[in-house]
Amino acid sequence: MLTHSAPCRVFIFILVTICRFYTASETYARIKIVKTLAINLLTSIDPF
């Protein structure tokens, strides 16, 4: 059984992996877009 925070932990792990890839190959603007999308996704996952 997954706890409430387990999906968020998995998402954050994936996000960190993606951010590491983008920081190596993309511009600051694209990194900022990824972070903004991540915040929006986390907000929609956790309604509290």
PDB file of N, CA and C in Angstrom:
ATOM      1  N   MET A   1       0.836  -1.193   0.000  1.00  0.00           N
ATOM      2  CA  MET A   1       0.000   0.000   0.000  1.00  0.00           C
ATOM      3  C   MET A   1       0.877   1.252   0.000  1.00  0.00           C
ATOM      4  N   LEU A   2       0.573   2.168  -0.891  1.00  0.00           N
ATOM      5  CA  LEU A   2       1.340   3.397  -0.983  1.00  0.00           C
ATOM      6  C   LEU A   2       0.816   4.429  -0.002  1.00  0.00           C
ATOM      7  N   THR A   3       1.750   5.110   0.649  1.00  0.00           N
ATOM      8  CA  THR A   3       1.338   6.207   1.512  1.00  0.00           C
ATOM      9  C   THR A   3       1.034   7.430   0.656  1.00  0.00           C
ATOM     10  N   HIS A   4       0.502   8.452   1.280  1.00  0.00           N
ATOM     11  CA  HIS A   4       0.134   9.669   0.541  1.00  0.00           C
ATOM     12  C   HIS A   4       1.347  10.313  -0.113  1.00  0.00           C
ATOM     13  N   SER A   5       2.505  10.246   0.541  1.00  0.00           N
ATOM     14  CA  SER A   5       3.692  10.932   0.033  1.00  0.00           C
ATOM     15  C   SER A   5       4.495  10.094  -0.956  1.00  0.00           C
ATOM     16  N   ALA A   6       4.209   8.810  -1.068  1.00  0.00           N
ATOM     17  CA  ALA A   6       4.987   7.943  -1.962  1.00  0.00           C
ATOM     18  C   ALA A   6       4.937   8.391  -3.423  1.00  0.00           C
ATOM     19  N   PRO A   7       3.772   8.696  -4.004  1.00  0.00           N
ATOM     20  CA  PRO A   7       3.759   9.162  -5.402  1.00  0.00           C
ATOM     21  C   PRO A   7       4.557  10.443  -5.589  1.00  0.00           C
ATOM     22  N   CYS A   8       4.529  11.323  -4.608  1.00  0.00           N
ATOM     23  CA  CYS A   8       5.292  12.566  -4.706  1.00  0.00           C
ATOM     24  C   CYS A   8       6.788  12.283  -4.689  1.00  0.00           C
ATOM     25  N   ARG A   9       7.204  11.320  -3.867  1.00  0.00           N
ATOM     26  CA  ARG A   9       8.627  10.964  -3.820  1.00  0.00           C
ATOM     27  C   ARG A   9       9.086  10.416  -5.157  1.00  0.00           C
ATOM     28  N   VAL A  10       8.280   9.560  -5.753  1.00  0.00           N
ATOM     29  CA  VAL A  10       8.620   8.997  -7.063  1.00  0.00           C
ATOM     30  C   VAL A  10       8.698  10.108  -8.098  1.00  0.00           C
ATOM     31  N   PHE A  11       7.733  11.019  -8.085  1.00  0.00           N
ATOM     32  CA  PHE A  11       7.722  12.126  -9.041  1.00  0.00           C
ATOM     33  C   PHE A  11       8.945  13.010  -8.864  1.00  0.00           C
ATOM     34  N   ILE A  12       9.302  13.309  -7.613  1.00  0.00           N
ATOM     35  CA  ILE A  12      10.466  14.153  -7.351  1.00  0.00           C
ATOM     36  C   ILE A  12      11.740  13.479  -7.837  1.00  0.00           C
ATOM     37  N   PHE A  13      11.852  12.163  -7.627  1.00  0.00           N
ATOM     38  CA  PHE A  13      13.026  11.428  -8.109  1.00  0.00           C
ATOM     39  C   PHE A  13      13.151  11.531  -9.624  1.00  0.00           C
ATOM     40  N   ILE A  14      12.032  11.344 -10.324  1.00  0.00           N
ATOM     41  CA  ILE A  14      12.027  11.464 -11.789  1.00  0.00           C
ATOM     42  C   ILE A  14      12.372  12.894 -12.196  1.00  0.00           C
ATOM     43  N   LEU A  15      11.804  13.862 -11.498  1.00  0.00           N
ATOM     44  CA  LEU A  15      12.061  15.267 -11.811  1.00  0.00           C
ATOM     45  C   LEU A  15      13.533  15.615 -11.662  1.00  0.00           C
ATOM     46  N   VAL A  16      14.158  15.148 -10.581  1.00  0.00           N
ATOM     47  CA  VAL A  16      15.582  15.418 -10.359  1.00  0.00           C
ATOM     48  C   VAL A  16      16.418  14.821 -11.483  1.00  0.00           C
ATOM     49  N   THR A  17      16.080  13.609 -11.899  1.00  0.00           N
ATOM     50  CA  THR A  17      16.798  12.968 -13.000  1.00  0.00           C
ATOM     51  C   THR A  17      16.658  13.785 -14.279  1.00  0.00           C
ATOM     52  N   ILE A  18      15.438  14.246 -14.570  1.00  0.00           N
ATOM     53  CA  ILE A  18      15.200  15.062 -15.764  1.00  0.00           C
ATOM     54  C   ILE A  18      15.967  16.382 -15.665  1.00  0.00           C
ATOM     55  N   CYS A  19      15.935  17.016 -14.498  1.00  0.00           N
ATOM     56  CA  CYS A  19      16.627  18.296 -14.327  1.00  0.00           C
ATOM     57  C   CYS A  19      18.129  18.145 -14.526  1.00  0.00           C
ATOM     58  N   ARG A  20      18.696  17.039 -14.060  1.00  0.00           N
ATOM     59  CA  ARG A  20      20.129  16.812 -14.270  1.00  0.00           C
ATOM     60  C   ARG A  20      20.440  16.717 -15.755  1.00  0.00           C
ATOM     61  N   PHE A  21      19.577  16.036 -16.498  1.00  0.00           N
ATOM     62  CA  PHE A  21      19.786  15.923 -17.940  1.00  0.00           C
ATOM     63  C   PHE A  21      19.676  17.291 -18.608  1.00  0.00           C
ATOM     64  N   TYR A  22      18.656  18.052 -18.249  1.00  0.00           N
ATOM     65  CA  TYR A  22      18.450  19.351 -18.883  1.00  0.00           C
ATOM     66  C   TYR A  22      19.543  20.349 -18.522  1.00  0.00           C
ATOM     67  N   THR A  23      20.021  20.328 -17.291  1.00  0.00           N
ATOM     68  CA  THR A  23      21.071  21.273 -16.906  1.00  0.00           C
ATOM     69  C   THR A  23      22.343  21.016 -17.695  1.00  0.00           C
ATOM     70  N   ALA A  24      22.539  19.797 -18.139  1.00  0.00           N
ATOM     71  CA  ALA A  24      23.737  19.465 -18.905  1.00  0.00           C
ATOM     72  C   ALA A  24      23.604  19.867 -20.368  1.00  0.00           C
ATOM     73  N   SER A  25      22.382  20.010 -20.867  1.00  0.00           N
ATOM     74  CA  SER A  25      22.222  20.168 -22.315  1.00  0.00           C
ATOM     75  C   SER A  25      21.307  21.304 -22.762  1.00  0.00           C
ATOM     76  N   GLU A  26      20.564  21.919 -21.859  1.00  0.00           N
ATOM     77  CA  GLU A  26      19.579  22.921 -22.264  1.00  0.00           C
ATOM     78  C   GLU A  26      19.829  24.269 -21.602  1.00  0.00           C
ATOM     79  N   THR A  27      19.073  25.271 -22.021  1.00  0.00           N
ATOM     80  CA  THR A  27      19.248  26.626 -21.505  1.00  0.00           C
ATOM     81  C   THR A  27      18.474  26.836 -20.211  1.00  0.00           C
ATOM     82  N   TYR A  28      18.763  27.945 -19.537  1.00  0.00           N
ATOM     83  CA  TYR A  28      18.087  28.275 -18.283  1.00  0.00           C
ATOM     84  C   TYR A  28      16.583  28.400 -18.478  1.00  0.00           C
ATOM     85  N   ALA A  29      16.160  28.937 -19.596  1.00  0.00           N
ATOM     86  CA  ALA A  29      14.732  29.123 -19.850  1.00  0.00           C
ATOM     87  C   ALA A  29      13.990  27.790 -19.848  1.00  0.00           C
ATOM     88  N   ARG A  30      14.574  26.781 -20.476  1.00  0.00           N
ATOM     89  CA  ARG A  30      13.920  25.464 -20.504  1.00  0.00           C
ATOM     90  C   ARG A  30      13.896  24.832 -19.125  1.00  0.00           C
ATOM     91  N   ILE A  31      14.955  25.019 -18.350  1.00  0.00           N
ATOM     92  CA  ILE A  31      14.971  24.507 -16.975  1.00  0.00           C
ATOM     93  C   ILE A  31      13.851  25.166 -16.166  1.00  0.00           C
ATOM     94  N   LYS A  32      13.681  26.468 -16.360  1.00  0.00           N
ATOM     95  CA  LYS A  32      12.637  27.197 -15.640  1.00  0.00           C
ATOM     96  C   LYS A  32      11.259  26.667 -16.012  1.00  0.00           C
ATOM     97  N   ILE A  33      11.042  26.345 -17.286  1.00  0.00           N
ATOM     98  CA  ILE A  33       9.772  25.775 -17.736  1.00  0.00           C
ATOM     99  C   ILE A  33       9.527  24.431 -17.063  1.00  0.00           C
ATOM    100  N   VAL A  34      10.555  23.584 -17.007  1.00  0.00           N
ATOM    101  CA  VAL A  34      10.411  22.272 -16.369  1.00  0.00           C
ATOM    102  C   VAL A  34      10.046  22.432 -14.901  1.00  0.00           C
ATOM    103  N   LYS A  35      10.696  23.359 -14.208  1.00  0.00           N
ATOM    104  CA  LYS A  35      10.396  23.585 -12.793  1.00  0.00           C
ATOM    105  C   LYS A  35       8.967  24.087 -12.609  1.00  0.00           C
ATOM    106  N   THR A  36       8.519  24.979 -13.480  1.00  0.00           N
ATOM    107  CA  THR A  36       7.155  25.496 -13.397  1.00  0.00           C
ATOM    108  C   THR A  36       6.139  24.384 -13.602  1.00  0.00           C
ATOM    109  N   LEU A  37       6.372  23.534 -14.597  1.00  0.00           N
ATOM    110  CA  LEU A  37       5.482  22.404 -14.834  1.00  0.00           C
ATOM    111  C   LEU A  37       5.475  21.460 -13.643  1.00  0.00           C
ATOM    112  N   ALA A  38       6.627  21.254 -13.027  1.00  0.00           N
ATOM    113  CA  ALA A  38       6.720  20.379 -11.860  1.00  0.00           C
ATOM    114  C   ALA A  38       5.896  20.927 -10.703  1.00  0.00           C
ATOM    115  N   ILE A  39       5.994  22.225 -10.462  1.00  0.00           N
ATOM    116  CA  ILE A  39       5.217  22.850  -9.386  1.00  0.00           C
ATOM    117  C   ILE A  39       3.725  22.698  -9.652  1.00  0.00           C
ATOM    118  N   ASN A  40       3.313  22.925 -10.891  1.00  0.00           N
ATOM    119  CA  ASN A  40       1.902  22.775 -11.241  1.00  0.00           C
ATOM    120  C   ASN A  40       1.434  21.341 -11.048  1.00  0.00           C
ATOM    121  N   LEU A  41       2.274  20.375 -11.424  1.00  0.00           N
ATOM    122  CA  LEU A  41       1.910  18.973 -11.291  1.00  0.00           C
ATOM    123  C   LEU A  41       1.812  18.577  -9.825  1.00  0.00           C
ATOM    124  N   LEU A  42       2.775  19.009  -9.009  1.00  0.00           N
ATOM    125  CA  LEU A  42       2.730  18.701  -7.580  1.00  0.00           C
ATOM    126  C   LEU A  42       1.505  19.324  -6.926  1.00  0.00           C
ATOM    127  N   THR A  43       1.151  20.520  -7.338  1.00  0.00           N
ATOM    128  CA  THR A  43      -0.033  21.182  -6.789  1.00  0.00           C
ATOM    129  C   THR A  43      -1.297  20.405  -7.130  1.00  0.00           C
ATOM    130  N   SER A  44      -1.354  19.864  -8.336  1.00  0.00           N
ATOM    131  CA  SER A  44      -2.540  19.112  -8.739  1.00  0.00           C
ATOM    132  C   SER A  44      -2.580  17.736  -8.093  1.00  0.00           C
ATOM    133  N   ILE A  45      -1.413  17.158  -7.773  1.00  0.00           N
ATOM    134  CA  ILE A  45      -1.371  15.845  -7.121  1.00  0.00           C
ATOM    135  C   ILE A  45      -1.810  15.961  -5.670  1.00  0.00           C
ATOM    136  N   ASP A  46      -1.325  16.991  -4.977  1.00  0.00           N
ATOM    137  CA  ASP A  46      -1.590  17.140  -3.550  1.00  0.00           C
ATOM    138  C   ASP A  46      -2.568  18.286  -3.311  1.00  0.00           C
ATOM    139  N   PRO A  47      -3.852  17.991  -3.154  1.00  0.00           N
ATOM    140  CA  PRO A  47      -4.858  19.052  -3.015  1.00  0.00           C
ATOM    141  C   PRO A  47      -4.837  19.757  -1.668  1.00  0.00           C
ATOM    142  N   PHE A  48      -4.094  19.226  -0.692  1.00  0.00           N
ATOM    143  CA  PHE A  48      -4.084  19.842   0.631  1.00  0.00           C
ATOM    144  C   PHE A  48      -3.167  21.030   0.650  1.00  0.00           C
TER     145      PHE A  48
END
